[in-house]
Amino acid sequence: MLFNSYTFWIFFCAVLLLYRRLPHRGQNWMLLVASYIFTAPGIGASVADSGFDVRGLSGGDPARDAKRQEAAEAAAGHLL
């Protein structure tokens, strides 16, 4: 989600309105959920990009490719 898009401003207004109407405990949970919604598309893209980049770094050595692929998959698993 880009900060200069209409989608962001709609999302921002919805979050702000909900935040103002909820009690303190509800505000915390709502902000947690909103942050996941806001960052979810970026996390998916960064995991896909890092997996692609890791495969191309070893210069064709299959042993190094396997190790780097395992490391990328482990890192991606921790993000999800």
PDB file of N, CA and C in Angstrom:
ATOM      1  N   MET A   1       0.860  -1.165   0.000  1.00  0.00           N
ATOM      2  CA  MET A   1       0.000   0.000   0.000  1.00  0.00           C
ATOM      3  C   MET A   1       0.909   1.232   0.000  1.00  0.00           C
ATOM      4  N   LEU A   2       0.687   2.107  -0.926  1.00  0.00           N
ATOM      5  CA  LEU A   2       1.487   3.323  -1.039  1.00  0.00           C
ATOM      6  C   LEU A   2       0.833   4.463  -0.269  1.00  0.00           C
ATOM      7  N   PHE A   3       1.660   5.311   0.317  1.00  0.00           N
ATOM      8  CA  PHE A   3       1.138   6.429   1.102  1.00  0.00           C
ATOM      9  C   PHE A   3       0.421   7.471   0.236  1.00  0.00           C
ATOM     10  N   ASN A   4       0.751   7.538  -1.035  1.00  0.00           N
ATOM     11  CA  ASN A   4       0.128   8.536  -1.897  1.00  0.00           C
ATOM     12  C   ASN A   4      -1.015   7.963  -2.738  1.00  0.00           C
ATOM     13  N   SER A   5      -1.602   6.864  -2.299  1.00  0.00           N
ATOM     14  CA  SER A   5      -2.715   6.264  -3.040  1.00  0.00           C
ATOM     15  C   SER A   5      -4.039   6.526  -2.319  1.00  0.00           C
ATOM     16  N   TYR A   6      -5.111   6.446  -3.078  1.00  0.00           N
ATOM     17  CA  TYR A   6      -6.441   6.606  -2.483  1.00  0.00           C
ATOM     18  C   TYR A   6      -6.745   5.479  -1.505  1.00  0.00           C
ATOM     19  N   THR A   7      -6.235   4.292  -1.808  1.00  0.00           N
ATOM     20  CA  THR A   7      -6.457   3.146  -0.929  1.00  0.00           C
ATOM     21  C   THR A   7      -5.903   3.420   0.472  1.00  0.00           C
ATOM     22  N   PHE A   8      -4.721   4.012   0.533  1.00  0.00           N
ATOM     23  CA  PHE A   8      -4.134   4.330   1.833  1.00  0.00           C
ATOM     24  C   PHE A   8      -5.013   5.299   2.599  1.00  0.00           C
ATOM     25  N   TRP A   9      -5.482   6.339   1.950  1.00  0.00           N
ATOM     26  CA  TRP A   9      -6.273   7.346   2.657  1.00  0.00           C
ATOM     27  C   TRP A   9      -7.617   6.798   3.119  1.00  0.00           C
ATOM     28  N   ILE A  10      -8.208   5.910   2.347  1.00  0.00           N
ATOM     29  CA  ILE A  10      -9.444   5.249   2.783  1.00  0.00           C
ATOM     30  C   ILE A  10      -9.149   4.378   4.005  1.00  0.00           C
ATOM     31  N   PHE A  11      -8.059   3.603   3.915  1.00  0.00           N
ATOM     32  CA  PHE A  11      -7.633   2.761   5.032  1.00  0.00           C
ATOM     33  C   PHE A  11      -7.338   3.613   6.267  1.00  0.00           C
ATOM     34  N   PHE A  12      -6.614   4.707   6.088  1.00  0.00           N
ATOM     35  CA  PHE A  12      -6.257   5.598   7.197  1.00  0.00           C
ATOM     36  C   PHE A  12      -7.499   6.178   7.865  1.00  0.00           C
ATOM     37  N   CYS A  13      -8.450   6.631   7.070  1.00  0.00           N
ATOM     38  CA  CYS A  13      -9.683   7.212   7.635  1.00  0.00           C
ATOM     39  C   CYS A  13     -10.482   6.161   8.395  1.00  0.00           C
ATOM     40  N   ALA A  14     -10.555   4.957   7.850  1.00  0.00           N
ATOM     41  CA  ALA A  14     -11.285   3.885   8.530  1.00  0.00           C
ATOM     42  C   ALA A  14     -10.622   3.540   9.860  1.00  0.00           C
ATOM     43  N   VAL A  15      -9.297   3.440   9.865  1.00  0.00           N
ATOM     44  CA  VAL A  15      -8.566   3.132  11.102  1.00  0.00           C
ATOM     45  C   VAL A  15      -8.752   4.257  12.123  1.00  0.00           C
ATOM     46  N   LEU A  16      -8.653   5.491  11.673  1.00  0.00           N
ATOM     47  CA  LEU A  16      -8.809   6.629  12.580  1.00  0.00           C
ATOM     48  C   LEU A  16     -10.208   6.677  13.197  1.00  0.00           C
ATOM     49  N   LEU A  17     -11.238   6.446  12.377  1.00  0.00           N
ATOM     50  CA  LEU A  17     -12.607   6.446  12.897  1.00  0.00           C
ATOM     51  C   LEU A  17     -12.824   5.324  13.910  1.00  0.00           C
ATOM     52  N   LEU A  18     -12.351   4.115  13.581  1.00  0.00           N
ATOM     53  CA  LEU A  18     -12.486   2.997  14.515  1.00  0.00           C
ATOM     54  C   LEU A  18     -11.706   3.262  15.805  1.00  0.00           C
ATOM     55  N   TYR A  19     -10.519   3.806  15.656  1.00  0.00           N
ATOM     56  CA  TYR A  19      -9.681   4.092  16.818  1.00  0.00           C
ATOM     57  C   TYR A  19     -10.382   5.047  17.785  1.00  0.00           C
ATOM     58  N   ARG A  20     -11.008   6.065  17.258  1.00  0.00           N
ATOM     59  CA  ARG A  20     -11.692   7.057  18.096  1.00  0.00           C
ATOM     60  C   ARG A  20     -12.921   6.492  18.807  1.00  0.00           C
ATOM     61  N   ARG A  21     -13.559   5.503  18.202  1.00  0.00           N
ATOM     62  CA  ARG A  21     -14.801   4.963  18.760  1.00  0.00           C
ATOM     63  C   ARG A  21     -14.578   3.828  19.756  1.00  0.00           C
ATOM     64  N   LEU A  22     -13.436   3.179  19.712  1.00  0.00           N
ATOM     65  CA  LEU A  22     -13.195   2.020  20.577  1.00  0.00           C
ATOM     66  C   LEU A  22     -12.625   2.439  21.927  1.00  0.00           C
ATOM     67  N   PRO A  23     -12.868   1.615  22.972  1.00  0.00           N
ATOM     68  CA  PRO A  23     -12.211   1.865  24.263  1.00  0.00           C
ATOM     69  C   PRO A  23     -10.715   1.547  24.145  1.00  0.00           C
ATOM     70  N   HIS A  24      -9.958   1.907  25.155  1.00  0.00           N
ATOM     71  CA  HIS A  24      -8.498   1.781  25.100  1.00  0.00           C
ATOM     72  C   HIS A  24      -8.036   0.371  24.735  1.00  0.00           C
ATOM     73  N   ARG A  25      -8.600  -0.630  25.372  1.00  0.00           N
ATOM     74  CA  ARG A  25      -8.196  -2.017  25.095  1.00  0.00           C
ATOM     75  C   ARG A  25      -8.518  -2.409  23.656  1.00  0.00           C
ATOM     76  N   GLY A  26      -9.645  -1.984  23.166  1.00  0.00           N
ATOM     77  CA  GLY A  26     -10.021  -2.261  21.785  1.00  0.00           C
ATOM     78  C   GLY A  26      -9.144  -1.525  20.790  1.00  0.00           C
ATOM     79  N   GLN A  27      -8.684  -0.328  21.170  1.00  0.00           N
ATOM     80  CA  GLN A  27      -7.791   0.439  20.292  1.00  0.00           C
ATOM     81  C   GLN A  27      -6.495  -0.323  20.045  1.00  0.00           C
ATOM     82  N   ASN A  28      -5.949  -0.913  21.079  1.00  0.00           N
ATOM     83  CA  ASN A  28      -4.697  -1.657  20.934  1.00  0.00           C
ATOM     84  C   ASN A  28      -4.855  -2.821  19.965  1.00  0.00           C
ATOM     85  N   TRP A  29      -5.919  -3.589  20.128  1.00  0.00           N
ATOM     86  CA  TRP A  29      -6.139  -4.732  19.245  1.00  0.00           C
ATOM     87  C   TRP A  29      -6.427  -4.294  17.814  1.00  0.00           C
ATOM     88  N   MET A  30      -7.194  -3.235  17.673  1.00  0.00           N
ATOM     89  CA  MET A  30      -7.514  -2.743  16.342  1.00  0.00           C
ATOM     90  C   MET A  30      -6.254  -2.260  15.629  1.00  0.00           C
ATOM     91  N   LEU A  31      -5.361  -1.569  16.336  1.00  0.00           N
ATOM     92  CA  LEU A  31      -4.107  -1.121  15.721  1.00  0.00           C
ATOM     93  C   LEU A  31      -3.203  -2.293  15.353  1.00  0.00           C
ATOM     94  N   LEU A  32      -3.218  -3.335  16.150  1.00  0.00           N
ATOM     95  CA  LEU A  32      -2.445  -4.534  15.819  1.00  0.00           C
ATOM     96  C   LEU A  32      -2.948  -5.157  14.519  1.00  0.00           C
ATOM     97  N   VAL A  33      -4.245  -5.325  14.417  1.00  0.00           N
ATOM     98  CA  VAL A  33      -4.832  -5.911  13.205  1.00  0.00           C
ATOM     99  C   VAL A  33      -4.595  -4.997  12.004  1.00  0.00           C
ATOM    100  N   ALA A  34      -4.762  -3.688  12.191  1.00  0.00           N
ATOM    101  CA  ALA A  34      -4.546  -2.736  11.099  1.00  0.00           C
ATOM    102  C   ALA A  34      -3.096  -2.773  10.621  1.00  0.00           C
ATOM    103  N   SER A  35      -2.157  -2.932  11.538  1.00  0.00           N
ATOM    104  CA  SER A  35      -0.751  -2.990  11.123  1.00  0.00           C
ATOM    105  C   SER A  35      -0.465  -4.232  10.302  1.00  0.00           C
ATOM    106  N   TYR A  36      -1.090  -5.367  10.652  1.00  0.00           N
ATOM    107  CA  TYR A  36      -0.926  -6.572   9.845  1.00  0.00           C
ATOM    108  C   TYR A  36      -1.529  -6.380   8.456  1.00  0.00           C
ATOM    109  N   ILE A  37      -2.674  -5.773   8.395  1.00  0.00           N
ATOM    110  CA  ILE A  37      -3.310  -5.525   7.094  1.00  0.00           C
ATOM    111  C   ILE A  37      -2.452  -4.584   6.262  1.00  0.00           C
ATOM    112  N   PHE A  38      -1.905  -3.564   6.880  1.00  0.00           N
ATOM    113  CA  PHE A  38      -1.110  -2.574   6.160  1.00  0.00           C
ATOM    114  C   PHE A  38       0.191  -3.174   5.626  1.00  0.00           C
ATOM    115  N   THR A  39       0.854  -4.029   6.415  1.00  0.00           N
ATOM    116  CA  THR A  39       2.159  -4.554   6.020  1.00  0.00           C
ATOM    117  C   THR A  39       2.101  -5.887   5.289  1.00  0.00           C
ATOM    118  N   ALA A  40       0.974  -6.559   5.264  1.00  0.00           N
ATOM    119  CA  ALA A  40       0.896  -7.891   4.647  1.00  0.00           C
ATOM    120  C   ALA A  40       1.340  -7.918   3.188  1.00  0.00           C
ATOM    121  N   PRO A  41       0.907  -7.004   2.329  1.00  0.00           N
ATOM    122  CA  PRO A  41       1.378  -7.069   0.942  1.00  0.00           C
ATOM    123  C   PRO A  41       2.890  -6.894   0.822  1.00  0.00           C
ATOM    124  N   GLY A  42       3.481  -6.065   1.639  1.00  0.00           N
ATOM    125  CA  GLY A  42       4.927  -5.852   1.597  1.00  0.00           C
ATOM    126  C   GLY A  42       5.708  -7.054   2.073  1.00  0.00           C
ATOM    127  N   ILE A  43       5.199  -7.752   3.058  1.00  0.00           N
ATOM    128  CA  ILE A  43       5.889  -8.943   3.563  1.00  0.00           C
ATOM    129  C   ILE A  43       5.920 -10.022   2.494  1.00  0.00           C
ATOM    130  N   GLY A  44       4.806 -10.234   1.833  1.00  0.00           N
ATOM    131  CA  GLY A  44       4.773 -11.236   0.769  1.00  0.00           C
ATOM    132  C   GLY A  44       5.744 -10.911  -0.350  1.00  0.00           C
ATOM    133  N   ALA A  45       5.816  -9.661  -0.731  1.00  0.00           N
ATOM    134  CA  ALA A  45       6.734  -9.256  -1.797  1.00  0.00           C
ATOM    135  C   ALA A  45       8.182  -9.399  -1.360  1.00  0.00           C
ATOM    136  N   SER A  46       8.497  -9.042  -0.126  1.00  0.00           N
ATOM    137  CA  SER A  46       9.886  -9.133   0.313  1.00  0.00           C
ATOM    138  C   SER A  46      10.331 -10.585   0.458  1.00  0.00           C
ATOM    139  N   VAL A  47       9.448 -11.468   0.891  1.00  0.00           N
ATOM    140  CA  VAL A  47       9.794 -12.889   0.988  1.00  0.00           C
ATOM    141  C   VAL A  47      10.030 -13.451  -0.408  1.00  0.00           C
ATOM    142  N   ALA A  48       9.186 -13.111  -1.350  1.00  0.00           N
ATOM    143  CA  ALA A  48       9.358 -13.592  -2.729  1.00  0.00           C
ATOM    144  C   ALA A  48      10.647 -13.053  -3.326  1.00  0.00           C
ATOM    145  N   ASP A  49      10.949 -11.789  -3.111  1.00  0.00           N
ATOM    146  CA  ASP A  49      12.167 -11.191  -3.646  1.00  0.00           C
ATOM    147  C   ASP A  49      13.408 -11.798  -3.018  1.00  0.00           C
ATOM    148  N   SER A  50      13.394 -12.024  -1.713  1.00  0.00           N
ATOM    149  CA  SER A  50      14.578 -12.569  -1.053  1.00  0.00           C
ATOM    150  C   SER A  50      14.834 -13.998  -1.514  1.00  0.00           C
ATOM    151  N   GLY A  51      13.803 -14.777  -1.730  1.00  0.00           N
ATOM    152  CA  GLY A  51      13.989 -16.128  -2.246  1.00  0.00           C
ATOM    153  C   GLY A  51      14.571 -16.121  -3.639  1.00  0.00           C
ATOM    154  N   PHE A  52      14.132 -15.199  -4.451  1.00  0.00           N
ATOM    155  CA  PHE A  52      14.658 -15.086  -5.813  1.00  0.00           C
ATOM    156  C   PHE A  52      16.115 -14.647  -5.793  1.00  0.00           C
ATOM    157  N   ASP A  53      16.459 -13.673  -4.972  1.00  0.00           N
ATOM    158  CA  ASP A  53      17.826 -13.161  -4.907  1.00  0.00           C
ATOM    159  C   ASP A  53      18.791 -14.205  -4.354  1.00  0.00           C
ATOM    160  N   VAL A  54      18.366 -14.962  -3.358  1.00  0.00           N
ATOM    161  CA  VAL A  54      19.247 -15.946  -2.735  1.00  0.00           C
ATOM    162  C   VAL A  54      19.637 -17.021  -3.739  1.00  0.00           C
ATOM    163  N   ARG A  55      18.729 -17.427  -4.606  1.00  0.00           N
ATOM    164  CA  ARG A  55      19.047 -18.464  -5.586  1.00  0.00           C
ATOM    165  C   ARG A  55      20.103 -17.999  -6.579  1.00  0.00           C
ATOM    166  N   GLY A  56      20.200 -16.721  -6.852  1.00  0.00           N
ATOM    167  CA  GLY A  56      21.125 -16.248  -7.868  1.00  0.00           C
ATOM    168  C   GLY A  56      22.492 -15.841  -7.351  1.00  0.00           C
ATOM    169  N   LEU A  57      22.789 -15.975  -6.067  1.00  0.00           N
ATOM    170  CA  LEU A  57      24.034 -15.455  -5.524  1.00  0.00           C
ATOM    171  C   LEU A  57      25.210 -16.419  -5.539  1.00  0.00           C
ATOM    172  N   SER A  58      24.986 -17.705  -5.601  1.00  0.00           N
ATOM    173  CA  SER A  58      26.080 -18.643  -5.382  1.00  0.00           C
ATOM    174  C   SER A  58      26.945 -18.880  -6.608  1.00  0.00           C
ATOM    175  N   GLY A  59      26.547 -18.438  -7.768  1.00  0.00           N
ATOM    176  CA  GLY A  59      27.373 -18.640  -8.950  1.00  0.00           C
ATOM    177  C   GLY A  59      27.279 -20.042  -9.517  1.00  0.00           C
ATOM    178  N   GLY A  60      26.254 -20.768  -9.210  1.00  0.00           N
ATOM    179  CA  GLY A  60      26.040 -22.083  -9.809  1.00  0.00           C
ATOM    180  C   GLY A  60      26.506 -23.266  -8.987  1.00  0.00           C
ATOM    181  N   ASP A  61      26.959 -23.064  -7.777  1.00  0.00           N
ATOM    182  CA  ASP A  61      27.395 -24.165  -6.919  1.00  0.00           C
ATOM    183  C   ASP A  61      26.167 -24.782  -6.264  1.00  0.00           C
ATOM    184  N   PRO A  62      25.811 -26.045  -6.629  1.00  0.00           N
ATOM    185  CA  PRO A  62      24.574 -26.649  -6.101  1.00  0.00           C
ATOM    186  C   PRO A  62      24.540 -26.775  -4.575  1.00  0.00           C
ATOM    187  N   ALA A  63      25.688 -27.056  -3.941  1.00  0.00           N
ATOM    188  CA  ALA A  63      25.713 -27.195  -2.481  1.00  0.00           C
ATOM    189  C   ALA A  63      25.395 -25.860  -1.810  1.00  0.00           C
ATOM    190  N   ARG A  64      25.987 -24.802  -2.323  1.00  0.00           N
ATOM    191  CA  ARG A  64      25.719 -23.482  -1.758  1.00  0.00           C
ATOM    192  C   ARG A  64      24.291 -23.045  -2.054  1.00  0.00           C
ATOM    193  N   ASP A  65      23.785 -23.408  -3.249  1.00  0.00           N
ATOM    194  CA  ASP A  65      22.400 -23.081  -3.583  1.00  0.00           C
ATOM    195  C   ASP A  65      21.436 -23.708  -2.579  1.00  0.00           C
ATOM    196  N   ALA A  66      21.656 -24.979  -2.243  1.00  0.00           N
ATOM    197  CA  ALA A  66      20.765 -25.686  -1.316  1.00  0.00           C
ATOM    198  C   ALA A  66      20.800 -25.046   0.068  1.00  0.00           C
ATOM    199  N   LYS A  67      21.998 -24.697   0.548  1.00  0.00           N
ATOM    200  CA  LYS A  67      22.119 -24.076   1.868  1.00  0.00           C
ATOM    201  C   LYS A  67      21.427 -22.717   1.904  1.00  0.00           C
ATOM    202  N   ARG A  68      21.627 -21.942   0.859  1.00  0.00           N
ATOM    203  CA  ARG A  68      21.011 -20.615   0.829  1.00  0.00           C
ATOM    204  C   ARG A  68      19.499 -20.711   0.675  1.00  0.00           C
ATOM    205  N   GLN A  69      19.043 -21.696  -0.081  1.00  0.00           N
ATOM    206  CA  GLN A  69      17.604 -21.889  -0.231  1.00  0.00           C
ATOM    207  C   GLN A  69      16.977 -22.275   1.106  1.00  0.00           C
ATOM    208  N   GLU A  70      17.630 -23.152   1.854  1.00  0.00           N
ATOM    209  CA  GLU A  70      17.126 -23.537   3.170  1.00  0.00           C
ATOM    210  C   GLU A  70      17.092 -22.327   4.102  1.00  0.00           C
ATOM    211  N   ALA A  71      18.124 -21.501   4.059  1.00  0.00           N
ATOM    212  CA  ALA A  71      18.161 -20.312   4.921  1.00  0.00           C
ATOM    213  C   ALA A  71      17.032 -19.341   4.547  1.00  0.00           C
ATOM    214  N   ALA A  72      16.799 -19.177   3.253  1.00  0.00           N
ATOM    215  CA  ALA A  72      15.729 -18.269   2.816  1.00  0.00           C
ATOM    216  C   ALA A  72      14.361 -18.800   3.245  1.00  0.00           C
ATOM    217  N   GLU A  73      14.150 -20.111   3.118  1.00  0.00           N
ATOM    218  CA  GLU A  73      12.875 -20.690   3.515  1.00  0.00           C
ATOM    219  C   GLU A  73      12.683 -20.602   5.026  1.00  0.00           C
ATOM    220  N   ALA A  74      13.743 -20.782   5.790  1.00  0.00           N
ATOM    221  CA  ALA A  74      13.644 -20.666   7.244  1.00  0.00           C
ATOM    222  C   ALA A  74      13.302 -19.225   7.635  1.00  0.00           C
ATOM    223  N   ALA A  75      13.941 -18.270   6.984  1.00  0.00           N
ATOM    224  CA  ALA A  75      13.652 -16.858   7.279  1.00  0.00           C
ATOM    225  C   ALA A  75      12.217 -16.506   6.890  1.00  0.00           C
ATOM    226  N   ALA A  76      11.770 -17.014   5.754  1.00  0.00           N
ATOM    227  CA  ALA A  76      10.400 -16.748   5.321  1.00  0.00           C
ATOM    228  C   ALA A  76       9.397 -17.374   6.280  1.00  0.00           C
ATOM    229  N   GLY A  77       9.703 -18.534   6.809  1.00  0.00           N
ATOM    230  CA  GLY A  77       8.816 -19.196   7.769  1.00  0.00           C
ATOM    231  C   GLY A  77       8.676 -18.393   9.046  1.00  0.00           C
ATOM    232  N   HIS A  78       9.722 -17.720   9.471  1.00  0.00           N
ATOM    233  CA  HIS A  78       9.653 -16.893  10.679  1.00  0.00           C
ATOM    234  C   HIS A  78       8.844 -15.634  10.458  1.00  0.00           C
ATOM    235  N   LEU A  79       8.800 -15.147   9.219  1.00  0.00           N
ATOM    236  CA  LEU A  79       8.018 -13.940   8.934  1.00  0.00           C
ATOM    237  C   LEU A  79       6.520 -14.225   8.908  1.00  0.00           C
ATOM    238  N   LEU A  80       6.162 -15.428   8.526  1.00  0.00           N
ATOM    239  CA  LEU A  80       4.741 -15.765   8.418  1.00  0.00           C
ATOM    240  C   LEU A  80       4.260 -16.310   9.696  1.00  0.00           C
TER     241      LEU A  80
END
